[in-house]
Amino acid sequence: SYTAISKLLGPLFGLAPESELLKLRVFALIGQALAFRVARAAILRRLEWDAYTPERVERIRDALRANIIAIMDSAMAGAERPS
């Protein structure tokens, strides 16, 4: 849920729970995953897939995982920089 993700990421990023930046980051992360549901038809068409198979879902998870790690690495590096 949004609240659980915020509680997890807020301290990692050094952001207050009501921080606008934290809210934006959480929505961005959730949005990536939701895209595979909301835009399912477009994604299947563009990838020339007929359906989400277990193997394809695993590839989607891998892509999401890589994006989330990159976002977290970037945000944490930014949090460590002096302002």
PDB file of N, CA and C in Angstrom:
ATOM      1  N   SER A   1       0.832  -1.182   0.000  1.00  0.00           N
ATOM      2  CA  SER A   1       0.000   0.000   0.000  1.00  0.00           C
ATOM      3  C   SER A   1       0.884   1.255   0.000  1.00  0.00           C
ATOM      4  N   TYR A   2       0.264   2.364  -0.373  1.00  0.00           N
ATOM      5  CA  TYR A   2       0.984   3.637  -0.417  1.00  0.00           C
ATOM      6  C   TYR A   2       1.617   3.953   0.940  1.00  0.00           C
ATOM      7  N   THR A   3       0.840   3.789   2.020  1.00  0.00           N
ATOM      8  CA  THR A   3       1.324   4.123   3.359  1.00  0.00           C
ATOM      9  C   THR A   3       2.505   3.255   3.755  1.00  0.00           C
ATOM     10  N   ALA A   4       2.432   1.972   3.486  1.00  0.00           N
ATOM     11  CA  ALA A   4       3.525   1.063   3.839  1.00  0.00           C
ATOM     12  C   ALA A   4       4.798   1.426   3.067  1.00  0.00           C
ATOM     13  N   ILE A   5       4.659   1.723   1.790  1.00  0.00           N
ATOM     14  CA  ILE A   5       5.820   2.099   0.979  1.00  0.00           C
ATOM     15  C   ILE A   5       6.417   3.407   1.494  1.00  0.00           C
ATOM     16  N   SER A   6       5.560   4.347   1.847  1.00  0.00           N
ATOM     17  CA  SER A   6       6.039   5.632   2.384  1.00  0.00           C
ATOM     18  C   SER A   6       6.796   5.441   3.689  1.00  0.00           C
ATOM     19  N   LYS A   7       6.268   4.594   4.561  1.00  0.00           N
ATOM     20  CA  LYS A   7       6.927   4.334   5.848  1.00  0.00           C
ATOM     21  C   LYS A   7       8.286   3.667   5.650  1.00  0.00           C
ATOM     22  N   LEU A   8       8.387   2.845   4.628  1.00  0.00           N
ATOM     23  CA  LEU A   8       9.644   2.166   4.333  1.00  0.00           C
ATOM     24  C   LEU A   8      10.659   3.111   3.694  1.00  0.00           C
ATOM     25  N   LEU A   9      10.219   3.869   2.701  1.00  0.00           N
ATOM     26  CA  LEU A   9      11.148   4.692   1.940  1.00  0.00           C
ATOM     27  C   LEU A   9      11.479   6.027   2.589  1.00  0.00           C
ATOM     28  N   GLY A  10      10.568   6.593   3.343  1.00  0.00           N
ATOM     29  CA  GLY A  10      10.813   7.888   3.982  1.00  0.00           C
ATOM     30  C   GLY A  10      12.126   7.926   4.751  1.00  0.00           C
ATOM     31  N   PRO A  11      12.319   7.022   5.695  1.00  0.00           N
ATOM     32  CA  PRO A  11      13.575   7.022   6.442  1.00  0.00           C
ATOM     33  C   PRO A  11      14.803   6.723   5.574  1.00  0.00           C
ATOM     34  N   LEU A  12      14.642   5.867   4.577  1.00  0.00           N
ATOM     35  CA  LEU A  12      15.774   5.549   3.698  1.00  0.00           C
ATOM     36  C   LEU A  12      16.231   6.776   2.931  1.00  0.00           C
ATOM     37  N   PHE A  13      15.259   7.595   2.512  1.00  0.00           N
ATOM     38  CA  PHE A  13      15.583   8.793   1.755  1.00  0.00           C
ATOM     39  C   PHE A  13      15.815  10.006   2.643  1.00  0.00           C
ATOM     40  N   GLY A  14      15.568   9.844   3.946  1.00  0.00           N
ATOM     41  CA  GLY A  14      15.710  10.969   4.859  1.00  0.00           C
ATOM     42  C   GLY A  14      14.624  12.014   4.650  1.00  0.00           C
ATOM     43  N   LEU A  15      13.422  11.549   4.293  1.00  0.00           N
ATOM     44  CA  LEU A  15      12.314  12.458   4.001  1.00  0.00           C
ATOM     45  C   LEU A  15      11.188  12.263   5.008  1.00  0.00           C
ATOM     46  N   ALA A  16      10.549  13.355   5.376  1.00  0.00           N
ATOM     47  CA  ALA A  16       9.410  13.314   6.295  1.00  0.00           C
ATOM     48  C   ALA A  16       8.236  12.613   5.623  1.00  0.00           C
ATOM     49  N   PRO A  17       7.378  11.951   6.405  1.00  0.00           N
ATOM     50  CA  PRO A  17       6.237  11.231   5.837  1.00  0.00           C
ATOM     51  C   PRO A  17       5.318  12.101   4.969  1.00  0.00           C
ATOM     52  N   GLU A  18       5.195  13.354   5.272  1.00  0.00           N
ATOM     53  CA  GLU A  18       4.324  14.245   4.508  1.00  0.00           C
ATOM     54  C   GLU A  18       5.079  15.075   3.474  1.00  0.00           C
ATOM     55  N   SER A  19       6.345  14.752   3.269  1.00  0.00           N
ATOM     56  CA  SER A  19       7.159  15.472   2.287  1.00  0.00           C
ATOM     57  C   SER A  19       6.581  15.291   0.879  1.00  0.00           C
ATOM     58  N   GLU A  20       6.490  16.386   0.147  1.00  0.00           N
ATOM     59  CA  GLU A  20       6.007  16.315  -1.235  1.00  0.00           C
ATOM     60  C   GLU A  20       6.913  15.421  -2.081  1.00  0.00           C
ATOM     61  N   LEU A  21       8.220  15.535  -1.880  1.00  0.00           N
ATOM     62  CA  LEU A  21       9.167  14.727  -2.654  1.00  0.00           C
ATOM     63  C   LEU A  21       8.962  13.239  -2.386  1.00  0.00           C
ATOM     64  N   LEU A  22       8.744  12.873  -1.132  1.00  0.00           N
ATOM     65  CA  LEU A  22       8.483  11.466  -0.814  1.00  0.00           C
ATOM     66  C   LEU A  22       7.206  10.997  -1.497  1.00  0.00           C
ATOM     67  N   LYS A  23       6.164  11.799  -1.431  1.00  0.00           N
ATOM     68  CA  LYS A  23       4.902  11.429  -2.081  1.00  0.00           C
ATOM     69  C   LYS A  23       5.096  11.223  -3.582  1.00  0.00           C
ATOM     70  N   LEU A  24       5.823  12.113  -4.215  1.00  0.00           N
ATOM     71  CA  LEU A  24       6.076  11.978  -5.653  1.00  0.00           C
ATOM     72  C   LEU A  24       6.849  10.707  -5.971  1.00  0.00           C
ATOM     73  N   ARG A  25       7.868  10.418  -5.176  1.00  0.00           N
ATOM     74  CA  ARG A  25       8.663   9.210  -5.423  1.00  0.00           C
ATOM     75  C   ARG A  25       7.838   7.948  -5.239  1.00  0.00           C
ATOM     76  N   VAL A  26       7.007   7.920  -4.205  1.00  0.00           N
ATOM     77  CA  VAL A  26       6.169   6.746  -3.964  1.00  0.00           C
ATOM     78  C   VAL A  26       5.183   6.559  -5.116  1.00  0.00           C
ATOM     79  N   PHE A  27       4.529   7.647  -5.546  1.00  0.00           N
ATOM     80  CA  PHE A  27       3.597   7.531  -6.675  1.00  0.00           C
ATOM     81  C   PHE A  27       4.321   7.090  -7.947  1.00  0.00           C
ATOM     82  N   ALA A  28       5.532   7.567  -8.159  1.00  0.00           N
ATOM     83  CA  ALA A  28       6.301   7.170  -9.343  1.00  0.00           C
ATOM     84  C   ALA A  28       6.597   5.675  -9.313  1.00  0.00           C
ATOM     85  N   LEU A  29       6.970   5.179  -8.140  1.00  0.00           N
ATOM     86  CA  LEU A  29       7.261   3.743  -8.025  1.00  0.00           C
ATOM     87  C   LEU A  29       6.013   2.897  -8.232  1.00  0.00           C
ATOM     88  N   ILE A  30       4.918   3.295  -7.603  1.00  0.00           N
ATOM     89  CA  ILE A  30       3.663   2.550  -7.752  1.00  0.00           C
ATOM     90  C   ILE A  30       3.187   2.615  -9.204  1.00  0.00           C
ATOM     91  N   GLY A  31       3.344   3.778  -9.816  1.00  0.00           N
ATOM     92  CA  GLY A  31       2.895   3.964 -11.194  1.00  0.00           C
ATOM     93  C   GLY A  31       3.568   3.032 -12.176  1.00  0.00           C
ATOM     94  N   GLN A  32       4.834   2.755 -11.940  1.00  0.00           N
ATOM     95  CA  GLN A  32       5.544   1.835 -12.841  1.00  0.00           C
ATOM     96  C   GLN A  32       4.865   0.471 -12.860  1.00  0.00           C
ATOM     97  N   ALA A  33       4.538  -0.025 -11.696  1.00  0.00           N
ATOM     98  CA  ALA A  33       3.904  -1.342 -11.623  1.00  0.00           C
ATOM     99  C   ALA A  33       2.483  -1.297 -12.187  1.00  0.00           C
ATOM    100  N   LEU A  34       1.752  -0.240 -11.864  1.00  0.00           N
ATOM    101  CA  LEU A  34       0.372  -0.123 -12.346  1.00  0.00           C
ATOM    102  C   LEU A  34       0.293  -0.034 -13.865  1.00  0.00           C
ATOM    103  N   ALA A  35       1.320   0.492 -14.485  1.00  0.00           N
ATOM    104  CA  ALA A  35       1.309   0.622 -15.944  1.00  0.00           C
ATOM    105  C   ALA A  35       1.095  -0.736 -16.617  1.00  0.00           C
ATOM    106  N   PHE A  36       1.625  -1.783 -16.027  1.00  0.00           N
ATOM    107  CA  PHE A  36       1.493  -3.106 -16.634  1.00  0.00           C
ATOM    108  C   PHE A  36       0.080  -3.660 -16.521  1.00  0.00           C
ATOM    109  N   ARG A  37      -0.725  -3.070 -15.658  1.00  0.00           N
ATOM    110  CA  ARG A  37      -2.129  -3.452 -15.565  1.00  0.00           C
ATOM    111  C   ARG A  37      -2.986  -2.508 -16.400  1.00  0.00           C
ATOM    112  N   VAL A  38      -2.796  -1.225 -16.214  1.00  0.00           N
ATOM    113  CA  VAL A  38      -3.629  -0.218 -16.873  1.00  0.00           C
ATOM    114  C   VAL A  38      -3.403  -0.207 -18.388  1.00  0.00           C
ATOM    115  N   ALA A  39      -2.164  -0.342 -18.793  1.00  0.00           N
ATOM    116  CA  ALA A  39      -1.830  -0.283 -20.222  1.00  0.00           C
ATOM    117  C   ALA A  39      -1.556  -1.675 -20.797  1.00  0.00           C
ATOM    118  N   ARG A  40      -2.172  -2.655 -20.212  1.00  0.00           N
ATOM    119  CA  ARG A  40      -1.922  -4.042 -20.597  1.00  0.00           C
ATOM    120  C   ARG A  40      -2.058  -4.276 -22.105  1.00  0.00           C
ATOM    121  N   ALA A  41      -3.141  -3.823 -22.685  1.00  0.00           N
ATOM    122  CA  ALA A  41      -3.372  -4.057 -24.119  1.00  0.00           C
ATOM    123  C   ALA A  41      -2.271  -3.427 -24.961  1.00  0.00           C
ATOM    124  N   ALA A  42      -1.904  -2.208 -24.632  1.00  0.00           N
ATOM    125  CA  ALA A  42      -0.846  -1.522 -25.386  1.00  0.00           C
ATOM    126  C   ALA A  42       0.492  -2.213 -25.211  1.00  0.00           C
ATOM    127  N   ILE A  43       0.770  -2.657 -23.995  1.00  0.00           N
ATOM    128  CA  ILE A  43       2.041  -3.343 -23.726  1.00  0.00           C
ATOM    129  C   ILE A  43       2.107  -4.661 -24.484  1.00  0.00           C
ATOM    130  N   LEU A  44       1.032  -5.432 -24.413  1.00  0.00           N
ATOM    131  CA  LEU A  44       1.012  -6.711 -25.139  1.00  0.00           C
ATOM    132  C   LEU A  44       1.199  -6.490 -26.634  1.00  0.00           C
ATOM    133  N   ARG A  45       0.516  -5.484 -27.167  1.00  0.00           N
ATOM    134  CA  ARG A  45       0.628  -5.182 -28.598  1.00  0.00           C
ATOM    135  C   ARG A  45       2.058  -4.773 -28.953  1.00  0.00           C
ATOM    136  N   ARG A  46       2.641  -3.855 -28.167  1.00  0.00           N
ATOM    137  CA  ARG A  46       3.980  -3.332 -28.464  1.00  0.00           C
ATOM    138  C   ARG A  46       5.046  -4.409 -28.350  1.00  0.00           C
ATOM    139  N   LEU A  47       4.894  -5.311 -27.381  1.00  0.00           N
ATOM    140  CA  LEU A  47       5.864  -6.389 -27.214  1.00  0.00           C
ATOM    141  C   LEU A  47       5.557  -7.606 -28.088  1.00  0.00           C
ATOM    142  N   GLU A  48       4.441  -7.511 -28.805  1.00  0.00           N
ATOM    143  CA  GLU A  48       3.996  -8.610 -29.661  1.00  0.00           C
ATOM    144  C   GLU A  48       3.793  -9.897 -28.863  1.00  0.00           C
ATOM    145  N   TRP A  49       3.186  -9.729 -27.693  1.00  0.00           N
ATOM    146  CA  TRP A  49       2.828 -10.852 -26.830  1.00  0.00           C
ATOM    147  C   TRP A  49       1.332 -11.069 -26.943  1.00  0.00           C
ATOM    148  N   ASP A  50       0.893 -12.317 -26.758  1.00  0.00           N
ATOM    149  CA  ASP A  50      -0.539 -12.581 -26.730  1.00  0.00           C
ATOM    150  C   ASP A  50      -1.093 -12.549 -25.310  1.00  0.00           C
ATOM    151  N   ALA A  51      -0.218 -12.717 -24.326  1.00  0.00           N
ATOM    152  CA  ALA A  51      -0.654 -12.737 -22.921  1.00  0.00           C
ATOM    153  C   ALA A  51       0.558 -12.575 -22.010  1.00  0.00           C
ATOM    154  N   TYR A  52       0.267 -12.308 -20.738  1.00  0.00           N
ATOM    155  CA  TYR A  52       1.319 -12.326 -19.717  1.00  0.00           C
ATOM    156  C   TYR A  52       1.452 -13.771 -19.239  1.00  0.00           C
ATOM    157  N   THR A  53       2.538 -14.407 -19.576  1.00  0.00           N
ATOM    158  CA  THR A  53       2.816 -15.759 -19.096  1.00  0.00           C
ATOM    159  C   THR A  53       3.659 -15.648 -17.829  1.00  0.00           C
ATOM    160  N   PRO A  54       3.801 -16.717 -17.065  1.00  0.00           N
ATOM    161  CA  PRO A  54       4.650 -16.655 -15.869  1.00  0.00           C
ATOM    162  C   PRO A  54       6.082 -16.188 -16.186  1.00  0.00           C
ATOM    163  N   GLU A  55       6.626 -16.620 -17.298  1.00  0.00           N
ATOM    164  CA  GLU A  55       7.981 -16.215 -17.677  1.00  0.00           C
ATOM    165  C   GLU A  55       8.043 -14.717 -17.997  1.00  0.00           C
ATOM    166  N   ARG A  56       7.037 -14.216 -18.669  1.00  0.00           N
ATOM    167  CA  ARG A  56       6.987 -12.796 -19.021  1.00  0.00           C
ATOM    168  C   ARG A  56       6.761 -11.941 -17.776  1.00  0.00           C
ATOM    169  N   VAL A  57       5.936 -12.418 -16.882  1.00  0.00           N
ATOM    170  CA  VAL A  57       5.716 -11.696 -15.621  1.00  0.00           C
ATOM    171  C   VAL A  57       7.033 -11.610 -14.845  1.00  0.00           C
ATOM    172  N   GLU A  58       7.813 -12.654 -14.871  1.00  0.00           N
ATOM    173  CA  GLU A  58       9.118 -12.622 -14.192  1.00  0.00           C
ATOM    174  C   GLU A  58      10.034 -11.584 -14.844  1.00  0.00           C
ATOM    175  N   ARG A  59       9.991 -11.464 -16.158  1.00  0.00           N
ATOM    176  CA  ARG A  59      10.803 -10.443 -16.844  1.00  0.00           C
ATOM    177  C   ARG A  59      10.317  -9.035 -16.490  1.00  0.00           C
ATOM    178  N   ILE A  60       9.009  -8.876 -16.359  1.00  0.00           N
ATOM    179  CA  ILE A  60       8.459  -7.590 -15.926  1.00  0.00           C
ATOM    180  C   ILE A  60       8.950  -7.279 -14.515  1.00  0.00           C
ATOM    181  N   ARG A  61       8.891  -8.257 -13.630  1.00  0.00           N
ATOM    182  CA  ARG A  61       9.379  -8.060 -12.254  1.00  0.00           C
ATOM    183  C   ARG A  61      10.847  -7.673 -12.250  1.00  0.00           C
ATOM    184  N   ASP A  62      11.637  -8.314 -13.083  1.00  0.00           N
ATOM    185  CA  ASP A  62      13.064  -7.987 -13.160  1.00  0.00           C
ATOM    186  C   ASP A  62      13.269  -6.536 -13.591  1.00  0.00           C
ATOM    187  N   ALA A  63      12.484  -6.100 -14.584  1.00  0.00           N
ATOM    188  CA  ALA A  63      12.602  -4.719 -15.062  1.00  0.00           C
ATOM    189  C   ALA A  63      12.183  -3.737 -13.974  1.00  0.00           C
ATOM    190  N   LEU A  64      11.076  -4.022 -13.292  1.00  0.00           N
ATOM    191  CA  LEU A  64      10.621  -3.153 -12.208  1.00  0.00           C
ATOM    192  C   LEU A  64      11.645  -3.111 -11.071  1.00  0.00           C
ATOM    193  N   ARG A  65      12.173  -4.267 -10.730  1.00  0.00           N
ATOM    194  CA  ARG A  65      13.179  -4.350  -9.653  1.00  0.00           C
ATOM    195  C   ARG A  65      14.395  -3.499 -10.002  1.00  0.00           C
ATOM    196  N   ALA A  66      14.873  -3.593 -11.227  1.00  0.00           N
ATOM    197  CA  ALA A  66      16.042  -2.807 -11.649  1.00  0.00           C
ATOM    198  C   ALA A  66      15.745  -1.312 -11.575  1.00  0.00           C
ATOM    199  N   ASN A  67      14.547  -0.908 -12.017  1.00  0.00           N
ATOM    200  CA  ASN A  67      14.173   0.507 -11.947  1.00  0.00           C
ATOM    201  C   ASN A  67      14.083   0.985 -10.504  1.00  0.00           C
ATOM    202  N   ILE A  68      13.481   0.194  -9.648  1.00  0.00           N
ATOM    203  CA  ILE A  68      13.335   0.582  -8.244  1.00  0.00           C
ATOM    204  C   ILE A  68      14.696   0.708  -7.576  1.00  0.00           C
ATOM    205  N   ILE A  69      15.588  -0.218  -7.846  1.00  0.00           N
ATOM    206  CA  ILE A  69      16.941  -0.148  -7.271  1.00  0.00           C
ATOM    207  C   ILE A  69      17.660   1.099  -7.764  1.00  0.00           C
ATOM    208  N   ALA A  70      17.544   1.399  -9.050  1.00  0.00           N
ATOM    209  CA  ALA A  70      18.199   2.590  -9.600  1.00  0.00           C
ATOM    210  C   ALA A  70      17.640   3.866  -8.969  1.00  0.00           C
ATOM    211  N   ILE A  71      16.327   3.926  -8.805  1.00  0.00           N
ATOM    212  CA  ILE A  71      15.700   5.094  -8.183  1.00  0.00           C
ATOM    213  C   ILE A  71      16.159   5.232  -6.739  1.00  0.00           C
ATOM    214  N   MET A  72      16.174   4.130  -6.014  1.00  0.00           N
ATOM    215  CA  MET A  72      16.596   4.183  -4.613  1.00  0.00           C
ATOM    216  C   MET A  72      18.066   4.565  -4.491  1.00  0.00           C
ATOM    217  N   ASP A  73      18.906   3.991  -5.330  1.00  0.00           N
ATOM    218  CA  ASP A  73      20.330   4.344  -5.301  1.00  0.00           C
ATOM    219  C   ASP A  73      20.527   5.831  -5.567  1.00  0.00           C
ATOM    220  N   SER A  74      19.824   6.352  -6.560  1.00  0.00           N
ATOM    221  CA  SER A  74      19.941   7.748  -6.908  1.00  0.00           C
ATOM    222  C   SER A  74      19.442   8.658  -5.784  1.00  0.00           C
ATOM    223  N   ALA A  75      18.300   8.310  -5.221  1.00  0.00           N
ATOM    224  CA  ALA A  75      17.734   9.124  -4.146  1.00  0.00           C
ATOM    225  C   ALA A  75      18.605   9.084  -2.902  1.00  0.00           C
ATOM    226  N   MET A  76      19.157   7.924  -2.587  1.00  0.00           N
ATOM    227  CA  MET A  76      20.006   7.808  -1.402  1.00  0.00           C
ATOM    228  C   MET A  76      21.298   8.554  -1.615  1.00  0.00           C
ATOM    229  N   ALA A  77      21.849   8.529  -2.815  1.00  0.00           N
ATOM    230  CA  ALA A  77      23.064   9.279  -3.090  1.00  0.00           C
ATOM    231  C   ALA A  77      22.792  10.771  -2.962  1.00  0.00           C
ATOM    232  N   GLY A  78      21.633  11.203  -3.415  1.00  0.00           N
ATOM    233  CA  GLY A  78      21.243  12.602  -3.289  1.00  0.00           C
ATOM    234  C   GLY A  78      21.048  13.016  -1.851  1.00  0.00           C
ATOM    235  N   ALA A  79      20.550  12.113  -1.022  1.00  0.00           N
ATOM    236  CA  ALA A  79      20.310  12.409   0.393  1.00  0.00           C
ATOM    237  C   ALA A  79      21.626  12.578   1.132  1.00  0.00           C
ATOM    238  N   GLU A  80      22.685  11.934   0.639  1.00  0.00           N
ATOM    239  CA  GLU A  80      23.974  11.995   1.310  1.00  0.00           C
ATOM    240  C   GLU A  80      24.769  13.230   0.918  1.00  0.00           C
ATOM    241  N   ARG A  81      24.369  13.885  -0.186  1.00  0.00           N
ATOM    242  CA  ARG A  81      25.105  15.064  -0.635  1.00  0.00           C
ATOM    243  C   ARG A  81      24.799  16.246   0.259  1.00  0.00           C
ATOM    244  N   PRO A  82      25.825  17.019   0.604  1.00  0.00           N
ATOM    245  CA  PRO A  82      25.544  18.225   1.374  1.00  0.00           C
ATOM    246  C   PRO A  82      24.799  19.232   0.515  1.00  0.00           C
ATOM    247  N   SER A  83      23.894  20.005   1.151  1.00  0.00           N
ATOM    248  CA  SER A  83      23.142  20.996   0.368  1.00  0.00           C
ATOM    249  C   SER A  83      23.800  22.341   0.382  1.00  0.00           C
TER     250      SER A  83
END
